[in-house]
Amino acid sequence: MPVTVSYDLTNAGTNDRNYIRSMFERFGWKRLGGSVLRYSKPEDEEDWLNEVVPALMIFRSYVQAKGIDIKFFTIDTNSVAHIDWSDSDNLLGDTPNDGDDLALHAPTNNQSSESRCRRAVDVVKALFEAGGED
């Protein structure tokens, strides 16, 4: 089942809007028009941990870092993400990958760099690996 995201950003410039669209496309999302994107994998199960969650995480982080106001945001899904690796002969789903191992997609524009998307996933992981004060 597809996952659909729609949003309205009040103070984002054209470059910001293009970057966000390009980033979603790198994670396998398709633009339906304007700021509406859909993630769908008809050939197999959706890969929430490697394509859905990282895209949403980077969207959130990008708008925060750039000081962009979100006027509205909607996510709609009737999807199920399932991982079952309890039987090594019958593996189901994909476990989370490091940035270098993500199967990213080519966007319609290259404004969102592949290396930055990979690095963003790894930076969040590194924060937890570093430990330290909570």
C-alpha atoms as a PDB file:
ATOM      1  CA  MET A   1       0.000   0.000   0.000  1.00  0.00           C
ATOM      2  CA  PRO A   2       1.342   3.448  -0.811  1.00  0.00           C
ATOM      3  CA  VAL A   3       2.453   6.071   1.667  1.00  0.00           C
ATOM      4  CA  THR A   4       1.443   9.599   0.655  1.00  0.00           C
ATOM      5  CA  VAL A   5       2.924  12.797   2.079  1.00  0.00           C
ATOM      6  CA  SER A   6       1.699  16.305   1.421  1.00  0.00           C
ATOM      7  CA  TYR A   7       2.963  19.526   2.929  1.00  0.00           C
ATOM      8  CA  ASP A   8       2.892  23.286   2.574  1.00  0.00           C
ATOM      9  CA  LEU A   9       5.995  25.284   3.463  1.00  0.00           C
ATOM     10  CA  THR A  10       5.363  28.993   4.006  1.00  0.00           C
ATOM     11  CA  ASN A  11       8.843  30.496   3.711  1.00  0.00           C
ATOM     12  CA  ALA A  12      10.738  28.015   1.537  1.00  0.00           C
ATOM     13  CA  GLY A  13      12.448  29.219  -1.607  1.00  0.00           C
ATOM     14  CA  THR A  14      12.524  27.397  -4.923  1.00  0.00           C
ATOM     15  CA  ASN A  15      15.901  25.840  -4.115  1.00  0.00           C
ATOM     16  CA  ASP A  16      14.549  24.490  -0.814  1.00  0.00           C
ATOM     17  CA  ARG A  17      11.475  23.025  -2.500  1.00  0.00           C
ATOM     18  CA  ASN A  18      13.609  21.436  -5.223  1.00  0.00           C
ATOM     19  CA  TYR A  19      16.029  20.027  -2.659  1.00  0.00           C
ATOM     20  CA  ILE A  20      13.214  18.427  -0.648  1.00  0.00           C
ATOM     21  CA  ARG A  21      11.633  16.869  -3.748  1.00  0.00           C
ATOM     22  CA  SER A  22      15.009  15.581  -4.945  1.00  0.00           C
ATOM     23  CA  MET A  23      15.754  14.078  -1.522  1.00  0.00           C
ATOM     24  CA  PHE A  24      12.407  12.228  -1.389  1.00  0.00           C
ATOM     25  CA  GLU A  25      13.012  10.894  -4.913  1.00  0.00           C
ATOM     26  CA  ARG A  26      16.427   9.535  -3.886  1.00  0.00           C
ATOM     27  CA  PHE A  27      14.588   7.344  -1.375  1.00  0.00           C
ATOM     28  CA  GLY A  28      12.197   6.007  -4.032  1.00  0.00           C
ATOM     29  CA  TRP A  29       9.289   8.441  -3.633  1.00  0.00           C
ATOM     30  CA  LYS A  30       7.418   9.704  -6.713  1.00  0.00           C
ATOM     31  CA  ARG A  31       6.143  13.258  -7.068  1.00  0.00           C
ATOM     32  CA  LEU A  32       2.412  13.375  -7.770  1.00  0.00           C
ATOM     33  CA  GLY A  33       2.359  17.144  -8.182  1.00  0.00           C
ATOM     34  CA  GLY A  34       3.256  20.197  -6.169  1.00  0.00           C
ATOM     35  CA  SER A  35       4.311  19.069  -2.723  1.00  0.00           C
ATOM     36  CA  VAL A  36       2.563  15.693  -2.798  1.00  0.00           C
ATOM     37  CA  LEU A  37       4.757  12.600  -2.939  1.00  0.00           C
ATOM     38  CA  ARG A  38       3.986   8.897  -2.863  1.00  0.00           C
ATOM     39  CA  TYR A  39       6.106   5.966  -1.850  1.00  0.00           C
ATOM     40  CA  SER A  40       4.951   2.640  -3.245  1.00  0.00           C
ATOM     41  CA  LYS A  41       6.627  -0.677  -3.941  1.00  0.00           C
ATOM     42  CA  PRO A  42       4.159  -2.810  -5.905  1.00  0.00           C
ATOM     43  CA  GLU A  43       6.709  -5.544  -6.605  1.00  0.00           C
ATOM     44  CA  ASP A  44       7.468  -6.253  -2.941  1.00  0.00           C
ATOM     45  CA  GLU A  45       6.967  -4.970   0.585  1.00  0.00           C
ATOM     46  CA  GLU A  46       7.599  -1.334   1.418  1.00  0.00           C
ATOM     47  CA  ASP A  47      11.010  -0.741   2.958  1.00  0.00           C
ATOM     48  CA  TRP A  48      10.056   1.548   5.826  1.00  0.00           C
ATOM     49  CA  LEU A  49      13.390   1.458   7.648  1.00  0.00           C
ATOM     50  CA  ASN A  50      15.545   2.198   4.583  1.00  0.00           C
ATOM     51  CA  GLU A  51      13.336   4.380   2.370  1.00  0.00           C
ATOM     52  CA  VAL A  52      10.323   5.777   4.246  1.00  0.00           C
ATOM     53  CA  VAL A  53      11.705   6.691   7.675  1.00  0.00           C
ATOM     54  CA  PRO A  54      15.022   8.210   6.458  1.00  0.00           C
ATOM     55  CA  ALA A  55      13.182  10.437   3.957  1.00  0.00           C
ATOM     56  CA  LEU A  56      10.828  11.693   6.662  1.00  0.00           C
ATOM     57  CA  MET A  57      13.718  12.162   9.086  1.00  0.00           C
ATOM     58  CA  ILE A  58      15.753  14.191   6.594  1.00  0.00           C
ATOM     59  CA  PHE A  59      12.676  16.265   5.620  1.00  0.00           C
ATOM     60  CA  ARG A  60      12.155  17.143   9.287  1.00  0.00           C
ATOM     61  CA  SER A  61      15.836  17.920   9.875  1.00  0.00           C
ATOM     62  CA  TYR A  62      16.144  20.011   6.692  1.00  0.00           C
ATOM     63  CA  VAL A  63      13.189  22.289   7.469  1.00  0.00           C
ATOM     64  CA  GLN A  64      14.469  22.753  11.022  1.00  0.00           C
ATOM     65  CA  ALA A  65      18.014  23.540   9.882  1.00  0.00           C
ATOM     66  CA  LYS A  66      16.814  26.042   7.264  1.00  0.00           C
ATOM     67  CA  GLY A  67      14.218  27.697   9.525  1.00  0.00           C
ATOM     68  CA  ILE A  68      11.378  26.741   7.162  1.00  0.00           C
ATOM     69  CA  ASP A  69       7.854  26.946   8.586  1.00  0.00           C
ATOM     70  CA  ILE A  70       5.524  24.027   7.924  1.00  0.00           C
ATOM     71  CA  LYS A  71       2.000  25.355   7.353  1.00  0.00           C
ATOM     72  CA  PHE A  72       0.573  21.833   7.139  1.00  0.00           C
ATOM     73  CA  PHE A  73       1.849  18.282   6.853  1.00  0.00           C
ATOM     74  CA  THR A  74      -0.135  15.121   6.184  1.00  0.00           C
ATOM     75  CA  ILE A  75       0.994  11.521   5.932  1.00  0.00           C
ATOM     76  CA  ASP A  76      -1.492   8.900   4.810  1.00  0.00           C
ATOM     77  CA  THR A  77      -0.853   5.183   4.757  1.00  0.00           C
ATOM     78  CA  ASN A  78      -2.514   1.813   5.055  1.00  0.00           C
ATOM     79  CA  SER A  79       0.806   0.023   4.982  1.00  0.00           C
ATOM     80  CA  VAL A  80       2.469  -2.547   7.161  1.00  0.00           C
ATOM     81  CA  ALA A  81       6.217  -2.823   7.653  1.00  0.00           C
ATOM     82  CA  HIS A  82       7.261  -6.292   8.734  1.00  0.00           C
ATOM     83  CA  ILE A  83      10.665  -7.820   9.394  1.00  0.00           C
ATOM     84  CA  ASP A  84      10.972 -11.466  10.396  1.00  0.00           C
ATOM     85  CA  TRP A  85      14.458 -12.906  10.441  1.00  0.00           C
ATOM     86  CA  SER A  86      13.682 -15.578  13.056  1.00  0.00           C
ATOM     87  CA  ASP A  87      13.976 -18.299  10.399  1.00  0.00           C
ATOM     88  CA  SER A  88      17.202 -17.982   8.416  1.00  0.00           C
ATOM     89  CA  ASP A  89      15.675 -20.011   5.564  1.00  0.00           C
ATOM     90  CA  ASN A  90      12.650 -17.728   5.246  1.00  0.00           C
ATOM     91  CA  LEU A  91      13.812 -14.125   5.692  1.00  0.00           C
ATOM     92  CA  LEU A  92      11.165 -11.425   5.349  1.00  0.00           C
ATOM     93  CA  GLY A  93      11.773  -7.693   5.037  1.00  0.00           C
ATOM     94  CA  ASP A  94      14.939  -5.618   5.115  1.00  0.00           C
ATOM     95  CA  THR A  95      16.849  -4.661   8.232  1.00  0.00           C
ATOM     96  CA  PRO A  96      18.114  -1.064   8.524  1.00  0.00           C
ATOM     97  CA  ASN A  97      21.183  -0.337   6.408  1.00  0.00           C
ATOM     98  CA  ASP A  98      24.063   2.053   6.931  1.00  0.00           C
ATOM     99  CA  GLY A  99      24.151   5.019   4.566  1.00  0.00           C
ATOM    100  CA  ASP A 100      26.660   3.367   2.229  1.00  0.00           C
ATOM    101  CA  ASP A 101      24.419   0.318   1.840  1.00  0.00           C
ATOM    102  CA  LEU A 102      21.159   2.123   1.023  1.00  0.00           C
ATOM    103  CA  ALA A 103      19.784   1.484  -2.462  1.00  0.00           C
ATOM    104  CA  LEU A 104      19.080   5.109  -3.361  1.00  0.00           C
ATOM    105  CA  HIS A 105      17.267   6.135  -6.542  1.00  0.00           C
ATOM    106  CA  ALA A 106      17.999   8.764  -9.199  1.00  0.00           C
ATOM    107  CA  PRO A 107      15.826  11.881  -8.675  1.00  0.00           C
ATOM    108  CA  THR A 108      14.415  14.067 -11.436  1.00  0.00           C
ATOM    109  CA  ASN A 109      16.966  16.691 -10.382  1.00  0.00           C
ATOM    110  CA  ASN A 110      20.264  16.164  -8.587  1.00  0.00           C
ATOM    111  CA  GLN A 111      19.945  19.017  -6.120  1.00  0.00           C
ATOM    112  CA  SER A 112      19.825  16.592  -3.180  1.00  0.00           C
ATOM    113  CA  SER A 113      23.212  14.924  -3.247  1.00  0.00           C
ATOM    114  CA  GLU A 114      23.404  11.178  -2.845  1.00  0.00           C
ATOM    115  CA  SER A 115      26.353  11.474  -0.463  1.00  0.00           C
ATOM    116  CA  ARG A 116      24.523  13.937   1.804  1.00  0.00           C
ATOM    117  CA  CYS A 117      21.501  11.595   2.104  1.00  0.00           C
ATOM    118  CA  ARG A 118      23.800   8.696   2.984  1.00  0.00           C
ATOM    119  CA  ARG A 119      25.761  10.816   5.444  1.00  0.00           C
ATOM    120  CA  ALA A 120      22.571  12.090   7.148  1.00  0.00           C
ATOM    121  CA  VAL A 121      21.504   8.524   7.933  1.00  0.00           C
ATOM    122  CA  ASP A 122      24.961   7.709   9.312  1.00  0.00           C
ATOM    123  CA  VAL A 123      25.250  10.901  11.407  1.00  0.00           C
ATOM    124  CA  VAL A 124      22.110  10.105  13.383  1.00  0.00           C
ATOM    125  CA  LYS A 125      23.401   6.571  14.015  1.00  0.00           C
ATOM    126  CA  ALA A 126      26.781   7.980  15.102  1.00  0.00           C
ATOM    127  CA  LEU A 127      25.103  10.172  17.734  1.00  0.00           C
ATOM    128  CA  PHE A 128      23.847   7.069  19.506  1.00  0.00           C
ATOM    129  CA  GLU A 129      27.090   5.150  19.036  1.00  0.00           C
ATOM    130  CA  ALA A 130      29.069   8.002  20.633  1.00  0.00           C
ATOM    131  CA  GLY A 131      27.179   7.665  23.875  1.00  0.00           C
ATOM    132  CA  GLY A 132      27.909  10.419  26.332  1.00  0.00           C
ATOM    133  CA  GLU A 133      25.492  12.568  28.271  1.00  0.00           C
ATOM    134  CA  ASP A 134      21.767  12.267  27.677  1.00  0.00           C
END
